[in-house]
Protein backbone atom coordinates (compact mmCIF):
# COMPACT_ATOMS: atom_id res chain seq x y z
CA MET A 1 151.87 151.54 -119.03
CA ARG A 2 153.19 153.54 -121.99
CA LYS A 3 151.40 156.68 -123.06
CA LYS A 4 149.72 156.50 -126.46
CA GLU A 5 152.22 158.92 -127.95
CA ASP A 6 155.06 156.67 -126.86
CA ASN A 7 153.91 153.73 -129.01
CA LEU A 8 156.70 152.11 -130.95
CA PRO A 9 156.43 152.78 -134.70
CA LEU A 10 155.55 149.84 -136.93
CA VAL A 11 157.84 151.08 -139.70
CA LEU A 12 161.24 152.59 -138.98
CA GLU A 13 163.40 153.87 -141.84
CA ASN A 14 161.98 151.35 -144.30
CA GLN A 15 162.39 148.54 -141.79
CA ILE A 16 159.33 146.41 -140.95
CA ILE A 17 159.05 146.09 -137.19
CA PRO A 18 158.11 142.65 -135.78
CA VAL A 19 154.36 142.39 -135.19
CA ALA A 20 152.08 139.37 -134.64
CA GLN A 21 148.74 140.90 -135.63
CA ASP A 22 146.80 137.62 -135.83
CA ILE A 23 148.10 136.55 -132.43
CA GLU A 24 147.09 139.89 -130.91
CA CYS A 25 143.56 139.52 -132.28
CA SER A 26 143.36 135.89 -131.14
CA VAL A 27 144.37 136.72 -127.54
CA LEU A 28 141.77 139.50 -127.31
CA GLY A 29 139.17 137.22 -128.89
CA MET A 30 139.90 134.45 -126.39
CA VAL A 31 139.39 136.85 -123.48
CA LEU A 32 136.11 138.09 -124.94
CA LEU A 33 134.81 134.54 -125.49
CA ASP A 34 135.81 133.25 -122.06
CA ASN A 35 136.41 135.57 -119.12
CA THR A 36 138.41 132.87 -117.30
CA ASN A 37 141.18 133.19 -119.89
CA MET A 38 142.02 136.55 -118.35
CA VAL A 39 142.56 134.81 -115.03
CA GLU A 40 144.94 132.43 -116.78
CA ILE A 41 147.12 135.15 -118.33
CA TRP A 42 146.63 137.98 -115.84
CA SER A 43 150.18 137.97 -114.49
CA ASP A 44 151.58 138.37 -118.05
CA PHE A 45 148.84 140.47 -119.65
CA ASN A 46 150.03 143.96 -120.50
CA PRO A 47 148.54 146.42 -123.03
CA ASN A 48 152.09 147.30 -124.08
CA LEU A 49 152.35 143.92 -125.78
CA PHE A 50 149.88 144.99 -128.47
CA ALA A 51 151.44 146.87 -131.39
CA ILE A 52 148.29 147.52 -133.46
CA LYS A 53 146.71 150.76 -132.25
CA GLU A 54 143.15 149.37 -132.14
CA ASN A 55 144.26 146.26 -130.26
CA LYS A 56 146.26 148.30 -127.76
CA LEU A 57 143.29 150.52 -126.96
CA ILE A 58 141.04 147.48 -126.51
CA ALA A 59 143.66 145.78 -124.31
CA GLU A 60 143.90 148.90 -122.11
CA VAL A 61 140.15 148.94 -121.56
CA ILE A 62 140.03 145.18 -120.87
CA TYR A 63 142.89 145.59 -118.40
CA GLU A 64 141.01 148.33 -116.57
CA MET A 65 137.73 146.37 -116.58
CA TYR A 66 139.42 143.32 -115.11
CA LYS A 67 141.07 145.32 -112.33
CA ASN A 68 137.65 146.74 -111.43
CA ASP A 69 136.04 143.28 -111.37
CA LYS A 70 133.76 144.01 -114.33
CA ALA A 71 132.43 141.27 -116.57
CA ILE A 72 134.27 141.09 -119.89
CA ASP A 73 132.54 140.07 -123.12
CA ILE A 74 131.72 141.61 -126.51
CA MET A 75 128.71 143.54 -125.20
CA THR A 76 130.28 144.92 -122.00
CA LEU A 77 133.47 145.88 -123.84
CA THR A 78 131.47 147.70 -126.53
CA VAL A 79 129.56 149.64 -123.88
CA GLU A 80 132.76 150.52 -122.01
CA LEU A 81 134.53 151.72 -125.17
CA ASN A 82 131.49 153.78 -126.12
CA GLN A 83 131.43 155.45 -122.70
CA LYS A 84 135.11 156.33 -123.10
CA GLN A 85 134.40 157.64 -126.62
CA LEU A 86 136.87 155.15 -128.08
CA LEU A 87 134.46 152.88 -129.96
CA LYS A 88 134.94 154.54 -133.37
CA GLU A 89 138.69 154.76 -132.81
CA VAL A 90 138.98 150.97 -132.50
CA GLY A 91 136.86 150.27 -135.58
CA GLY A 92 133.40 150.05 -134.05
CA PRO A 93 131.37 146.97 -132.99
CA TYR A 94 132.31 145.16 -136.20
CA TYR A 95 136.03 145.14 -135.33
CA ILE A 96 135.34 143.89 -131.79
CA THR A 97 133.03 141.11 -133.00
CA ASN A 98 135.53 140.12 -135.68
CA LEU A 99 138.20 139.48 -132.99
CA THR A 100 136.36 136.37 -131.80
CA SER A 101 136.17 134.94 -135.32
CA LYS A 102 139.94 134.47 -135.30
CA VAL A 103 139.83 132.16 -132.27
CA VAL A 104 140.28 128.46 -132.93
CA SER A 105 141.01 127.29 -129.38
CA SER A 106 142.04 128.95 -126.10
CA ALA A 107 144.26 126.02 -125.15
CA ASN A 108 147.43 127.86 -126.26
CA ILE A 109 146.71 131.29 -124.82
CA ASN A 110 149.80 131.20 -122.57
CA PHE A 111 151.95 130.35 -125.56
CA TYR A 112 150.41 133.23 -127.53
CA ILE A 113 151.21 135.68 -124.73
CA LYS A 114 154.85 134.55 -124.83
CA ILE A 115 154.91 135.28 -128.56
CA LEU A 116 153.56 138.79 -127.93
CA GLN A 117 156.23 139.34 -125.29
CA GLN A 118 158.92 138.29 -127.74
CA LYS A 119 157.58 140.59 -130.46
CA PHE A 120 157.42 143.52 -128.05
CA LEU A 121 161.05 143.00 -127.04
CA GLU A 122 162.07 142.68 -130.68
CA ARG A 123 160.33 145.98 -131.51
CA SER A 124 161.87 147.68 -128.50
CA ILE A 125 165.38 146.50 -129.34
CA VAL A 126 165.09 147.68 -132.94
CA TYR A 127 163.68 151.07 -131.96
CA ILE A 128 166.08 151.73 -129.05
CA CYS A 129 169.18 150.55 -130.85
CA ASN A 130 168.31 152.53 -133.98
CA LYS A 131 167.81 155.71 -131.92
CA ASN A 132 171.10 155.29 -130.07
CA LEU A 133 172.89 154.33 -133.27
CA GLN A 134 172.15 157.81 -134.64
CA ARG A 135 173.55 159.35 -131.46
CA VAL A 136 176.76 157.36 -131.84
CA LEU A 137 177.16 158.26 -135.53
CA ASP A 138 176.69 161.98 -134.79
CA PHE A 139 179.89 161.91 -132.68
CA ARG A 140 178.49 164.64 -130.45
CA GLU A 141 178.05 162.67 -127.25
CA ASP A 142 180.39 160.69 -125.07
CA VAL A 143 180.03 157.05 -126.11
CA PHE A 144 179.91 155.98 -122.45
CA ASP A 145 176.87 158.20 -121.92
CA VAL A 146 175.21 156.70 -124.99
CA PHE A 147 176.01 153.20 -123.78
CA ALA A 148 174.61 153.92 -120.30
CA ASN A 149 171.44 155.34 -121.83
CA LEU A 150 171.10 152.36 -124.17
CA GLN A 151 171.41 149.94 -121.25
CA LEU A 152 168.87 151.89 -119.18
CA GLU A 153 166.30 151.98 -121.99
CA LEU A 154 166.67 148.25 -122.67
CA ASP A 155 166.18 147.50 -118.98
CA ASN A 156 163.07 149.70 -118.92
CA CYS A 157 161.51 147.95 -121.91
CA LEU A 158 162.01 144.62 -120.13
CA LYS A 159 160.02 146.00 -117.18
CA ASP A 160 157.11 146.58 -119.56
CA VAL A 161 157.03 142.83 -120.26
CA LEU A 162 157.92 141.25 -116.93
CA ARG A 163 155.95 142.28 -113.87
CA TYR A 164 158.19 142.58 -110.87
CA GLU A 165 158.52 144.90 -107.94
CA VAL A 166 161.48 146.12 -105.94
CA SER A 167 160.60 147.19 -102.41
CA LYS A 168 162.56 149.34 -99.99
CA ILE A 169 163.43 147.74 -96.66
CA SER A 170 161.56 150.55 -94.88
CA GLU A 171 158.31 149.52 -96.61
CA ILE A 172 158.88 145.86 -95.77
CA HIS A 173 159.71 146.78 -92.17
CA TYR A 174 156.46 148.69 -91.63
CA ASP A 175 154.40 146.05 -93.43
CA ILE A 176 155.72 143.42 -91.00
CA ILE A 177 155.06 145.69 -88.00
CA PHE A 178 151.50 146.35 -89.20
CA LYS A 179 150.82 142.65 -89.75
CA MET A 180 152.21 141.66 -86.34
CA SER A 181 150.24 144.42 -84.59
CA ASN A 182 147.07 143.15 -86.22
CA VAL A 183 147.81 139.56 -85.15
CA ILE A 184 148.55 140.62 -81.56
CA GLU A 185 145.45 142.83 -81.35
CA LYS A 186 143.12 140.11 -82.63
CA GLY A 187 144.87 137.29 -80.74
CA ILE A 188 144.94 135.00 -83.77
CA LYS A 189 147.45 132.85 -85.63
CA SER A 190 149.37 134.66 -88.35
CA GLY A 191 148.66 131.81 -90.78
CA VAL A 192 145.78 129.48 -91.62
CA PRO A 193 145.19 127.29 -88.53
CA THR A 194 144.79 123.51 -88.71
CA GLY A 195 143.04 122.94 -85.38
CA PHE A 196 145.91 120.68 -84.26
CA THR A 197 147.35 122.64 -81.37
CA LEU A 198 150.85 121.19 -81.34
CA LEU A 199 151.19 121.61 -85.11
CA ASP A 200 149.82 125.16 -85.00
CA ASN A 201 152.34 126.03 -82.30
CA VAL A 202 155.15 124.87 -84.59
CA THR A 203 153.84 126.66 -87.70
CA ASN A 204 151.68 129.41 -86.16
CA GLY A 205 149.28 128.32 -88.89
CA TRP A 206 150.19 127.66 -92.51
CA GLN A 207 152.07 130.74 -93.67
CA ASP A 208 151.37 132.73 -96.83
CA SER A 209 153.45 131.83 -99.94
CA ASP A 210 154.67 128.57 -98.35
CA LEU A 211 154.69 125.27 -100.23
CA ILE A 212 154.05 122.45 -97.75
CA ILE A 213 154.69 118.86 -98.80
CA LEU A 214 152.71 116.28 -96.82
CA ALA A 215 154.24 112.93 -97.73
CA GLY A 216 153.91 109.30 -96.71
CA ARG A 217 153.66 105.72 -97.87
CA PRO A 218 150.23 104.24 -98.76
CA SER A 219 147.95 103.70 -95.72
CA MET A 220 149.88 106.24 -93.64
CA GLY A 221 146.88 108.59 -93.54
CA LYS A 222 147.98 111.38 -95.92
CA THR A 223 144.49 112.07 -97.25
CA ALA A 224 142.91 111.66 -93.81
CA CYS A 225 145.40 114.16 -92.46
CA ALA A 226 144.73 116.62 -95.29
CA VAL A 227 140.95 116.34 -94.83
CA SER A 228 141.31 116.91 -91.10
CA MET A 229 143.47 119.99 -91.76
CA ILE A 230 140.85 121.64 -93.98
CA ILE A 231 137.86 120.98 -91.69
CA HIS A 232 138.93 123.39 -88.96
CA PRO A 233 139.71 126.45 -91.10
CA SER A 234 136.83 126.08 -93.57
CA ILE A 235 134.05 125.03 -91.18
CA GLU A 236 135.09 126.32 -87.77
CA LYS A 237 136.83 129.54 -88.88
CA GLN A 238 134.99 130.17 -92.18
CA ILE A 239 138.32 130.55 -94.02
CA PRO A 240 137.85 129.70 -97.73
CA VAL A 241 139.77 126.54 -98.68
CA ALA A 242 140.06 124.68 -102.00
CA ILE A 243 141.11 121.07 -102.46
CA PHE A 244 142.07 119.47 -105.77
CA SER A 245 141.34 115.77 -105.37
CA LEU A 246 143.06 113.85 -108.16
CA GLU A 247 142.79 110.47 -106.42
CA MET A 248 139.27 110.42 -104.98
CA SER A 249 136.01 111.60 -106.50
CA LYS A 250 134.22 114.56 -104.96
CA PHE A 251 131.61 112.18 -103.54
CA GLN A 252 134.22 110.02 -101.82
CA LEU A 253 135.92 113.11 -100.41
CA GLY A 254 132.56 114.52 -99.35
CA GLY A 255 131.82 111.22 -97.62
CA ARG A 256 135.05 111.48 -95.66
CA ILE A 257 134.15 114.98 -94.54
CA GLN A 258 130.68 113.81 -93.47
CA SER A 259 132.25 110.95 -91.55
CA TYR A 260 134.72 113.30 -89.86
CA ILE A 261 131.96 115.56 -88.57
CA SER A 262 129.26 112.99 -87.80
CA GLU A 263 131.62 110.19 -86.64
CA ILE A 264 129.63 107.69 -88.71
CA ASN A 265 131.83 104.96 -90.21
CA VAL A 266 133.36 106.32 -93.42
CA SER A 267 133.06 102.99 -95.23
CA LYS A 268 129.30 102.86 -94.63
CA ILE A 269 128.86 106.38 -95.99
CA ILE A 270 130.88 105.81 -99.16
CA LYS A 271 129.22 102.43 -99.82
CA SER A 272 125.71 103.80 -99.06
CA GLN A 273 125.13 101.23 -96.31
CA LEU A 274 123.53 103.64 -93.82
CA ASN A 275 120.31 103.02 -91.94
CA ILE A 276 117.75 105.78 -91.45
CA ASP A 277 119.01 106.69 -87.95
CA GLU A 278 122.58 107.11 -89.18
CA LEU A 279 121.35 109.24 -92.08
CA ARG A 280 119.50 111.49 -89.62
CA VAL A 281 122.71 111.86 -87.58
CA ILE A 282 124.62 112.99 -90.67
CA ILE A 283 121.90 115.48 -91.66
CA ALA A 284 121.77 116.94 -88.15
CA SER A 285 125.53 117.08 -87.53
CA CYS A 286 126.58 118.34 -90.96
CA GLU A 287 124.42 121.45 -91.15
CA SER A 288 127.65 123.49 -91.00
CA LEU A 289 128.50 122.23 -94.50
CA ASP A 290 125.66 124.33 -95.94
CA LYS A 291 127.66 127.53 -95.55
CA ALA A 292 131.21 126.18 -95.41
CA PRO A 293 133.54 128.00 -97.89
CA LEU A 294 135.11 124.69 -98.98
CA TYR A 295 135.59 124.10 -102.71
CA ILE A 296 136.35 120.67 -104.23
CA ASP A 297 137.71 120.01 -107.72
CA ASP A 298 138.10 116.35 -108.66
CA THR A 299 139.42 116.80 -112.21
CA PRO A 300 141.59 113.71 -112.87
CA ASN A 301 145.08 114.05 -114.33
CA ILE A 302 144.91 117.83 -114.07
CA SER A 303 147.73 119.81 -115.69
CA LEU A 304 149.81 122.41 -113.89
CA LEU A 305 148.52 125.17 -116.18
CA GLU A 306 144.88 124.20 -115.55
CA LEU A 307 145.43 124.02 -111.80
CA LYS A 308 147.08 127.45 -111.82
CA SER A 309 144.20 128.93 -113.80
CA LYS A 310 141.55 127.47 -111.50
CA SER A 311 143.50 128.50 -108.39
CA ARG A 312 143.79 132.11 -109.56
CA LYS A 313 140.06 132.18 -110.20
CA LEU A 314 139.25 130.66 -106.78
CA VAL A 315 141.44 133.23 -105.02
CA LYS A 316 140.05 136.17 -107.00
CA GLU A 317 136.36 135.21 -106.94
CA ASN A 318 136.03 133.22 -103.69
CA GLY A 319 138.85 134.61 -101.55
CA VAL A 320 140.46 131.18 -101.08
CA ARG A 321 143.32 131.32 -98.55
CA LEU A 322 144.54 127.71 -98.66
CA ILE A 323 144.93 125.21 -101.50
CA VAL A 324 145.39 121.46 -100.99
CA ILE A 325 146.41 119.05 -103.77
CA ASP A 326 145.90 115.29 -103.41
CA TYR A 327 148.32 114.31 -104.77
CA LEU A 328 151.34 115.69 -106.63
CA GLN A 329 152.36 112.55 -108.57
CA LEU A 330 148.93 112.35 -110.24
CA MET A 331 149.41 115.76 -111.87
CA ARG A 332 150.96 116.40 -115.26
CA SER A 333 153.01 119.40 -116.27
CA GLY A 334 151.27 119.96 -119.60
CA LEU A 335 154.67 120.28 -121.25
CA ASN A 336 156.38 117.87 -123.60
CA ILE A 337 158.81 116.37 -121.07
CA MET A 338 160.10 112.86 -121.68
CA HIS A 339 161.38 111.94 -118.21
CA ARG A 340 158.92 111.67 -115.33
CA GLU A 341 161.46 112.96 -112.80
CA GLN A 342 161.89 116.17 -114.81
CA GLU A 343 158.12 116.53 -115.10
CA ILE A 344 157.65 116.21 -111.33
CA ALA A 345 160.42 118.78 -110.84
CA GLU A 346 158.58 121.17 -113.17
CA ILE A 347 155.32 120.63 -111.27
CA SER A 348 157.07 121.22 -107.95
CA ARG A 349 158.59 124.49 -109.15
CA GLY A 350 155.21 125.53 -110.54
CA LEU A 351 153.43 124.92 -107.23
CA LYS A 352 155.99 126.97 -105.32
CA ALA A 353 155.64 129.77 -107.87
CA LEU A 354 151.84 129.57 -107.51
CA ALA A 355 152.02 129.84 -103.71
CA LYS A 356 154.23 132.90 -104.04
CA GLU A 357 152.15 134.51 -106.78
CA LEU A 358 148.84 134.11 -104.92
CA ASN A 359 150.49 134.71 -101.53
CA ILE A 360 148.67 131.80 -99.91
CA PRO A 361 149.89 128.46 -98.52
CA VAL A 362 149.74 125.47 -100.87
CA ILE A 363 149.75 121.94 -99.42
CA ALA A 364 150.68 119.16 -101.85
CA LEU A 365 150.43 115.52 -100.85
CA SER A 366 153.23 113.33 -102.15
CA GLN A 367 154.11 109.65 -102.38
CA LEU A 368 157.33 108.18 -100.99
CA SER A 369 159.57 105.58 -102.59
CA ARG A 370 159.68 101.98 -101.37
CA THR A 371 163.09 102.59 -99.81
CA VAL A 372 161.25 103.34 -96.56
CA GLU A 373 160.15 99.71 -96.27
CA SER A 374 163.74 98.47 -96.15
CA ARG A 375 164.49 100.25 -92.87
CA GLY A 376 163.92 98.65 -89.53
CA ASP A 377 161.77 101.42 -88.05
CA LYS A 378 160.17 102.29 -91.43
CA LYS A 379 160.58 106.00 -90.69
CA PRO A 380 160.75 108.16 -93.83
CA MET A 381 163.56 110.55 -94.73
CA LEU A 382 163.83 113.47 -97.16
CA SER A 383 165.67 111.27 -99.64
CA ASP A 384 162.52 109.10 -99.89
CA LEU A 385 160.50 111.76 -101.71
CA ARG A 386 159.44 109.97 -104.84
CA GLU A 387 160.72 110.80 -108.33
CA SER A 388 162.39 114.13 -107.68
CA GLY A 389 164.82 115.77 -105.27
CA GLN A 390 163.46 119.07 -106.60
CA ILE A 391 160.45 118.65 -104.29
CA GLU A 392 162.74 118.84 -101.27
CA GLN A 393 164.38 122.00 -102.62
CA ASP A 394 161.16 123.84 -103.47
CA ALA A 395 159.24 123.00 -100.29
CA ASP A 396 159.22 125.38 -97.34
CA MET A 397 158.05 122.51 -95.16
CA VAL A 398 158.21 118.74 -95.59
CA ILE A 399 156.04 116.75 -93.20
CA PHE A 400 155.83 112.95 -93.18
CA THR A 401 152.82 111.00 -91.92
CA TYR A 402 153.95 107.93 -89.99
CA ARG A 403 151.87 105.28 -88.20
CA PRO A 404 154.15 102.88 -86.28
CA GLU A 405 151.10 100.70 -85.49
CA TYR A 406 150.82 99.80 -89.19
CA TYR A 407 154.24 98.15 -89.07
CA GLY A 408 153.53 96.17 -85.91
CA ILE A 409 155.56 98.49 -83.65
CA GLU A 410 153.93 98.40 -80.22
CA GLN A 411 155.88 101.13 -78.40
CA TYR A 412 157.02 104.50 -79.72
CA GLU A 413 159.49 106.71 -77.92
CA ILE A 414 159.04 110.48 -77.72
CA GLY A 415 161.65 112.20 -75.61
CA SER A 416 162.19 109.88 -72.66
CA GLN A 417 158.72 108.33 -72.73
CA ASN A 418 157.25 105.32 -74.51
CA PHE A 419 153.71 105.40 -75.84
CA GLU A 420 151.39 102.71 -77.10
CA THR A 421 151.04 102.97 -80.85
CA PHE A 422 147.36 102.03 -81.17
CA GLY A 423 145.77 104.98 -82.96
CA LEU A 424 149.03 106.95 -82.86
CA MET A 425 149.94 109.06 -85.88
CA MET A 426 153.20 110.98 -85.96
CA LEU A 427 153.83 114.04 -88.09
CA LEU A 428 157.57 114.13 -88.71
CA VAL A 429 158.67 117.67 -89.58
CA ALA A 430 161.74 116.88 -91.69
CA LYS A 431 162.18 120.33 -93.24
CA HIS A 432 161.03 123.70 -91.97
CA ARG A 433 162.61 126.68 -93.67
CA ASN A 434 161.41 129.15 -91.06
CA GLY A 435 161.10 127.03 -87.94
CA GLU A 436 161.99 123.94 -85.96
CA LEU A 437 162.10 120.24 -86.83
CA GLY A 438 160.82 117.30 -84.84
CA GLU A 439 157.85 115.01 -84.20
CA ILE A 440 154.23 115.88 -83.46
CA PRO A 441 151.87 113.23 -82.03
CA LEU A 442 148.25 113.01 -83.18
CA ARG A 443 145.42 110.51 -82.74
CA PHE A 444 144.24 108.49 -85.77
CA VAL A 445 140.62 107.26 -85.63
CA HIS A 446 140.41 104.24 -87.95
CA GLU A 447 136.67 104.00 -88.57
CA ASN A 448 136.31 107.68 -89.53
CA ALA A 449 139.71 108.13 -91.23
CA LYS A 450 139.99 111.10 -88.89
CA ILE A 451 142.90 112.84 -87.17
CA LYS A 452 142.49 114.44 -83.74
CA ASN A 453 144.60 116.16 -81.10
CA TYR A 454 146.34 113.58 -78.98
CA ASN A 455 145.29 115.00 -75.60
CA ASN A 456 146.15 111.85 -73.64
CA LEU A 457 149.78 112.38 -74.47
CA LEU A 458 149.89 115.47 -72.29
CA ASN A 459 148.25 113.86 -69.26
CA SER A 460 151.67 112.64 -68.22
CA ASN A 461 153.37 114.80 -65.58
CA THR A 462 156.76 113.76 -66.88
CA PHE A 463 155.90 114.93 -70.40
CA ALA A 464 154.61 118.25 -69.08
CA GLN A 465 157.78 118.81 -67.05
CA GLU A 466 159.96 118.08 -70.06
CA ASN A 467 157.83 120.50 -72.04
CA GLN A 468 158.08 123.41 -69.60
CA ASN A 469 160.64 125.20 -71.78
CA ASN A 470 158.46 124.69 -74.88
CA VAL A 471 161.19 122.57 -76.51
CA ILE A 472 161.53 118.79 -76.65
CA GLN A 473 164.69 117.10 -77.88
CA VAL A 474 163.85 114.25 -80.22
CA ASN A 475 166.64 112.55 -82.12
CA GLN A 476 168.74 115.74 -81.90
CA SER A 477 166.00 117.86 -83.47
CA ASN A 478 163.81 120.42 -81.76
CA VAL A 479 160.05 120.49 -81.65
CA ILE A 480 158.47 123.75 -80.58
CA GLN A 481 155.68 122.48 -78.41
CA ASN A 482 152.82 124.26 -76.76
CA ASN A 483 152.34 126.09 -73.50
CA THR A 484 150.37 124.77 -70.55
CA ASP A 485 147.09 126.05 -72.04
CA PHE A 486 147.01 122.93 -74.20
CA LEU A 487 146.53 120.73 -71.12
CA ASN A 488 142.86 121.73 -71.17
CA GLN A 489 142.53 122.03 -74.93
CA GLN A 490 139.78 119.96 -76.56
CA PRO A 491 139.77 118.65 -80.13
CA PRO A 492 137.86 120.77 -82.69
CA PHE A 493 135.10 118.10 -82.80
């Protein structure tokens, strides 16, 4: 943050320096009217963007209040400024109240911040170039020294606009050592666990900053799989999880969760066809939902900007460590993009950026193209990801849900063994940036739309022998499988 005495002048040798005073007031007014706007623009908000002295002082105090988790509105800001003896300097309560009168709508707050960034860079360029121009015209300094200084100052002013950090390898090294020591000491997964032992052994839990694409054709159990993956962390481990359900209402999704836990038929719950005994079972078995840190947002047709804003707020206020989106193709970018493929690409890039910014895993469900249906075995491939190859590029993991039973396939081969396909769901790990590829068997329970560990698969001595080296060869791809402890492992429910 610049010191007050380092503020760029608004007038320089009779030149008017670029300033967007109304925009500055509008941004501050939006934050004062709605605290959530600060969550939306936090990564770009910087007091240096404000050229007007009063606005800059107010922005500095708001910035400090936000970092300290203080409520931000006209009253709290006035009190804070008064305590810092800055209230008169910014124009008193009247000036602060007047900021909100300039607000028409907060819908364009991100666009306004970009304008302030542009104006700041324009002011910086004018000021820095003018200063170095005088040095050149004095002919007292080596022009190469002036040029080097000019380049350095321009780079520094860019740092005031764009937040980025450069870390030394020594810091990264010790951070990794500390994290691994903590994981070893506590005996836990390094990521967010799913409760599916074979999958957790491949991923070691969903890893921070990863974008995971869970894709499949209709009726392949994508949503059932996603619901099953959030039950274990949020209910069993008390890890805060948020799910954005664009396809189903919150009541339908809640019904699926109730069915998963109580094992009452999901259709009867959603259609309200329960008898009194079944209702009592749900009440008794779902007591864990009372305190479960599971948050559901069923806003239809949600935009990328709105999802980012809500996600930032959920992470900051509720400590959410995993976000699930059902599903990607029902989102909109919020930008004026003509072609749907380009819009999906923009959404995909935005989700990866969100995962990295919040440093949590983001799981996005995705549809597949009909090309899958033309193949004999109906097994999906990366090229089947619908509407954009950008999804494949952005994702750290791509996992396909595949139920051979749905296509009338009676036997499915894993390694050298054939298995009956009734209730069999396969997770096909088609891309794994930091791990192995392969196939993971799970059990699909039709009446509850529920996924479970497929314990029966490991009752085979042959399978266990093949698995003794923790690696199974499947179609020339490796699957990191589990150790012998899984032989006695029970499903989470």
